[in-house]
């Protein structure tokens, strides 16, 4: 279903926002509860040394930052007047 024409932002903005929020949530879950990988999937990919958890933390932090930056750029592209007013 296409987005309504009244929406000034593109579907890319919404995709980046949702993906960034999900990866941010996964980042927080992994920081607070690092053993969720072993609990949910029933396997221990790093033999208990925590490397897999830190890899998930790093990867989700990068994905969250990239999505947030992309959504900000897309928002400013579609709302140039509000971007100028913030300066």
N, C-alpha and C. Protein backbone atom coordinates (compact mmCIF):
# COMPACT_ATOMS: atom_id res chain seq x y z
N UNK A 1 0.84 -1.17 0.00
CA UNK A 1 0.00 0.00 0.00
C UNK A 1 0.89 1.24 0.00
N UNK A 2 0.73 2.13 -0.92
CA UNK A 2 1.57 3.33 -0.97
C UNK A 2 1.25 4.29 0.17
N UNK A 3 2.24 5.09 0.50
CA UNK A 3 2.06 6.09 1.55
C UNK A 3 1.19 7.22 1.02
N UNK A 4 0.42 7.85 1.88
CA UNK A 4 -0.42 8.95 1.43
C UNK A 4 0.42 10.11 0.92
N UNK A 5 -0.09 10.83 -0.05
CA UNK A 5 0.64 11.95 -0.64
C UNK A 5 0.79 13.11 0.33
N UNK A 6 -0.05 13.18 1.34
CA UNK A 6 0.05 14.27 2.30
C UNK A 6 1.27 14.14 3.20
N UNK A 7 1.86 12.96 3.27
CA UNK A 7 3.04 12.76 4.09
C UNK A 7 4.27 13.33 3.39
N UNK A 8 4.91 14.33 3.99
CA UNK A 8 6.06 14.96 3.33
C UNK A 8 7.33 14.12 3.41
N UNK A 9 7.36 13.10 4.23
CA UNK A 9 8.56 12.27 4.33
C UNK A 9 8.40 11.01 3.50
N UNK A 10 9.50 10.48 3.05
CA UNK A 10 9.48 9.31 2.19
C UNK A 10 9.41 8.03 3.01
N UNK A 11 9.11 6.93 2.36
CA UNK A 11 9.14 5.64 3.05
C UNK A 11 10.53 5.32 3.60
N UNK A 12 11.57 5.86 2.97
CA UNK A 12 12.94 5.63 3.46
C UNK A 12 13.10 6.17 4.89
N UNK A 13 12.52 7.33 5.16
CA UNK A 13 12.58 7.90 6.50
C UNK A 13 11.98 6.94 7.51
N UNK A 14 10.79 6.41 7.19
CA UNK A 14 10.13 5.50 8.12
C UNK A 14 10.89 4.19 8.28
N UNK A 15 11.46 3.68 7.19
CA UNK A 15 12.26 2.46 7.27
C UNK A 15 13.47 2.67 8.17
N UNK A 16 14.17 3.78 7.98
CA UNK A 16 15.34 4.07 8.81
C UNK A 16 14.95 4.29 10.27
N UNK A 17 13.83 4.92 10.51
CA UNK A 17 13.38 5.16 11.87
C UNK A 17 13.04 3.86 12.58
N UNK A 18 12.28 3.00 11.91
CA UNK A 18 11.89 1.73 12.52
C UNK A 18 13.10 0.82 12.71
N UNK A 19 13.94 0.70 11.69
CA UNK A 19 15.13 -0.15 11.80
C UNK A 19 16.06 0.37 12.89
N UNK A 20 16.22 1.68 12.97
CA UNK A 20 17.06 2.26 14.01
C UNK A 20 16.51 2.00 15.40
N UNK A 21 15.20 2.12 15.55
CA UNK A 21 14.58 1.86 16.85
C UNK A 21 14.73 0.39 17.25
N UNK A 22 14.52 -0.51 16.30
CA UNK A 22 14.67 -1.94 16.61
C UNK A 22 16.10 -2.30 16.96
N UNK A 23 17.06 -1.76 16.22
CA UNK A 23 18.45 -2.07 16.53
C UNK A 23 18.86 -1.41 17.85
N UNK A 24 18.31 -0.24 18.15
CA UNK A 24 18.58 0.39 19.45
C UNK A 24 18.03 -0.44 20.60
N UNK A 25 16.84 -0.99 20.40
CA UNK A 25 16.25 -1.86 21.41
C UNK A 25 17.10 -3.12 21.61
N UNK A 26 17.55 -3.71 20.52
CA UNK A 26 18.41 -4.89 20.61
C UNK A 26 19.73 -4.54 21.30
N UNK A 27 20.26 -3.35 21.03
CA UNK A 27 21.47 -2.87 21.70
C UNK A 27 21.24 -2.83 23.21
N UNK A 28 20.14 -2.20 23.64
CA UNK A 28 19.87 -2.09 25.07
C UNK A 28 19.65 -3.45 25.73
N UNK A 29 18.93 -4.32 25.04
CA UNK A 29 18.69 -5.65 25.60
C UNK A 29 20.02 -6.38 25.78
N UNK A 30 20.92 -6.28 24.81
CA UNK A 30 22.19 -6.99 24.89
C UNK A 30 23.09 -6.40 25.98
N UNK A 31 23.05 -5.09 26.17
CA UNK A 31 23.85 -4.47 27.23
C UNK A 31 23.33 -4.89 28.61
N UNK A 32 22.01 -4.90 28.78
CA UNK A 32 21.42 -5.23 30.08
C UNK A 32 21.43 -6.74 30.35
N UNK A 33 21.16 -7.53 29.34
CA UNK A 33 21.04 -8.99 29.50
C UNK A 33 21.87 -9.68 28.42
N UNK A 34 23.20 -9.76 28.61
CA UNK A 34 24.07 -10.30 27.56
C UNK A 34 23.83 -11.78 27.23
N UNK A 35 23.27 -12.52 28.13
CA UNK A 35 23.09 -13.96 27.90
C UNK A 35 21.82 -14.28 27.13
N UNK A 36 21.13 -13.27 26.58
CA UNK A 36 19.87 -13.55 25.88
C UNK A 36 20.11 -14.43 24.65
N UNK A 37 21.26 -14.33 24.03
CA UNK A 37 21.54 -15.14 22.84
C UNK A 37 21.51 -16.62 23.20
N UNK A 38 22.19 -16.97 24.29
CA UNK A 38 22.21 -18.36 24.73
C UNK A 38 20.81 -18.82 25.18
N UNK A 39 20.08 -17.92 25.85
CA UNK A 39 18.76 -18.28 26.36
C UNK A 39 17.75 -18.46 25.23
N UNK A 40 17.72 -17.53 24.30
CA UNK A 40 16.71 -17.56 23.24
C UNK A 40 17.01 -18.64 22.20
N UNK A 41 18.26 -18.71 21.76
CA UNK A 41 18.61 -19.64 20.67
C UNK A 41 19.13 -20.98 21.15
N UNK A 42 19.47 -21.10 22.42
CA UNK A 42 19.93 -22.36 22.96
C UNK A 42 21.30 -22.79 22.48
N UNK A 43 22.11 -21.83 22.06
CA UNK A 43 23.48 -22.16 21.65
C UNK A 43 24.43 -21.11 22.19
N UNK A 44 25.69 -21.51 22.29
CA UNK A 44 26.72 -20.64 22.86
C UNK A 44 27.80 -20.42 21.81
N UNK A 45 27.64 -19.41 20.96
CA UNK A 45 28.54 -19.23 19.83
C UNK A 45 29.98 -18.87 20.20
N UNK A 46 30.19 -18.35 21.39
CA UNK A 46 31.53 -17.91 21.77
C UNK A 46 32.12 -18.71 22.93
N UNK A 47 31.52 -19.82 23.25
CA UNK A 47 31.98 -20.72 24.32
C UNK A 47 32.07 -20.01 25.66
N UNK A 48 31.18 -19.05 25.89
CA UNK A 48 31.09 -18.42 27.19
C UNK A 48 32.01 -17.25 27.45
N UNK A 49 32.80 -16.80 26.46
CA UNK A 49 33.72 -15.70 26.75
C UNK A 49 33.12 -14.32 26.51
N UNK A 50 31.91 -14.22 25.96
CA UNK A 50 31.23 -12.94 25.80
C UNK A 50 31.54 -12.19 24.52
N UNK A 51 32.35 -12.75 23.64
CA UNK A 51 32.72 -12.06 22.39
C UNK A 51 31.51 -11.86 21.48
N UNK A 52 30.63 -12.83 21.42
CA UNK A 52 29.43 -12.71 20.55
C UNK A 52 28.54 -11.58 21.04
N UNK A 53 28.41 -11.46 22.35
CA UNK A 53 27.57 -10.40 22.90
C UNK A 53 28.16 -9.02 22.57
N UNK A 54 29.46 -8.87 22.70
CA UNK A 54 30.09 -7.58 22.38
C UNK A 54 30.02 -7.28 20.90
N UNK A 55 30.06 -8.32 20.07
CA UNK A 55 29.89 -8.12 18.63
C UNK A 55 28.47 -7.63 18.33
N UNK A 56 27.49 -8.20 18.99
CA UNK A 56 26.10 -7.75 18.81
C UNK A 56 25.95 -6.31 19.29
N UNK A 57 26.54 -5.97 20.44
CA UNK A 57 26.48 -4.60 20.95
C UNK A 57 27.10 -3.63 19.95
N UNK A 58 28.28 -3.94 19.45
CA UNK A 58 28.96 -3.05 18.50
C UNK A 58 28.16 -2.92 17.20
N UNK A 59 27.69 -4.03 16.67
CA UNK A 59 26.96 -4.00 15.40
C UNK A 59 25.65 -3.22 15.53
N UNK A 60 24.92 -3.45 16.60
CA UNK A 60 23.65 -2.74 16.76
C UNK A 60 23.87 -1.26 17.04
N UNK A 61 24.95 -0.92 17.72
CA UNK A 61 25.26 0.50 17.94
C UNK A 61 25.54 1.20 16.61
N UNK A 62 26.29 0.54 15.74
CA UNK A 62 26.60 1.12 14.43
C UNK A 62 25.33 1.24 13.59
N UNK A 63 24.52 0.20 13.55
CA UNK A 63 23.27 0.24 12.77
C UNK A 63 22.34 1.33 13.29
N UNK A 64 22.24 1.46 14.60
CA UNK A 64 21.39 2.50 15.19
C UNK A 64 21.87 3.89 14.79
N UNK A 65 23.18 4.12 14.89
CA UNK A 65 23.74 5.43 14.55
C UNK A 65 23.56 5.74 13.06
N UNK A 66 23.80 4.77 12.20
CA UNK A 66 23.66 4.99 10.76
C UNK A 66 22.20 5.26 10.40
N UNK A 67 21.28 4.51 10.98
CA UNK A 67 19.86 4.73 10.71
C UNK A 67 19.40 6.08 11.23
N UNK A 68 19.85 6.47 12.40
CA UNK A 68 19.48 7.78 12.95
C UNK A 68 20.00 8.91 12.07
N UNK A 69 21.23 8.78 11.62
CA UNK A 69 21.79 9.80 10.73
C UNK A 69 21.04 9.84 9.40
N UNK A 70 20.74 8.67 8.85
CA UNK A 70 19.99 8.61 7.59
C UNK A 70 18.60 9.20 7.72
N UNK A 71 17.92 8.90 8.82
CA UNK A 71 16.58 9.45 9.04
C UNK A 71 16.66 10.97 9.22
N UNK A 72 17.68 11.44 9.90
CA UNK A 72 17.84 12.89 10.08
C UNK A 72 18.08 13.59 8.75
N UNK A 73 18.93 13.01 7.94
CA UNK A 73 19.20 13.59 6.61
C UNK A 73 17.94 13.61 5.77
N UNK A 74 17.19 12.51 5.79
CA UNK A 74 15.95 12.44 5.01
C UNK A 74 14.92 13.45 5.53
N UNK A 75 14.83 13.60 6.85
CA UNK A 75 13.89 14.56 7.43
C UNK A 75 14.26 15.98 7.00
N UNK A 76 15.55 16.31 7.09
CA UNK A 76 15.99 17.66 6.73
C UNK A 76 15.83 17.91 5.23
N UNK A 77 15.93 16.87 4.42
CA UNK A 77 15.74 17.02 2.98
C UNK A 77 14.29 17.37 2.66
N UNK A 78 13.36 16.77 3.39
CA UNK A 78 11.94 17.00 3.12
C UNK A 78 11.37 18.17 3.90
N UNK A 79 12.09 18.68 4.89
CA UNK A 79 11.65 19.81 5.71
C UNK A 79 12.74 20.88 5.74
N UNK A 80 13.07 21.48 4.62
CA UNK A 80 14.18 22.44 4.61
C UNK A 80 13.91 23.68 5.45
N UNK A 81 12.67 24.12 5.58
CA UNK A 81 12.39 25.32 6.36
C UNK A 81 12.62 25.09 7.85
N UNK A 82 12.25 23.91 8.36
CA UNK A 82 12.47 23.64 9.77
C UNK A 82 13.95 23.43 10.07
N UNK A 83 14.71 22.95 9.09
CA UNK A 83 16.14 22.78 9.28
C UNK A 83 16.83 24.14 9.39
N UNK A 84 16.40 25.11 8.60
CA UNK A 84 16.97 26.45 8.67
C UNK A 84 16.59 27.16 9.95
N UNK A 85 15.39 26.93 10.43
CA UNK A 85 14.93 27.59 11.66
C UNK A 85 15.68 27.09 12.89
N UNK A 86 16.20 25.88 12.85
CA UNK A 86 16.91 25.30 13.99
C UNK A 86 18.32 25.85 14.12
N UNK A 87 18.83 26.51 13.12
CA UNK A 87 20.21 27.01 13.19
C UNK A 87 20.34 28.23 14.02
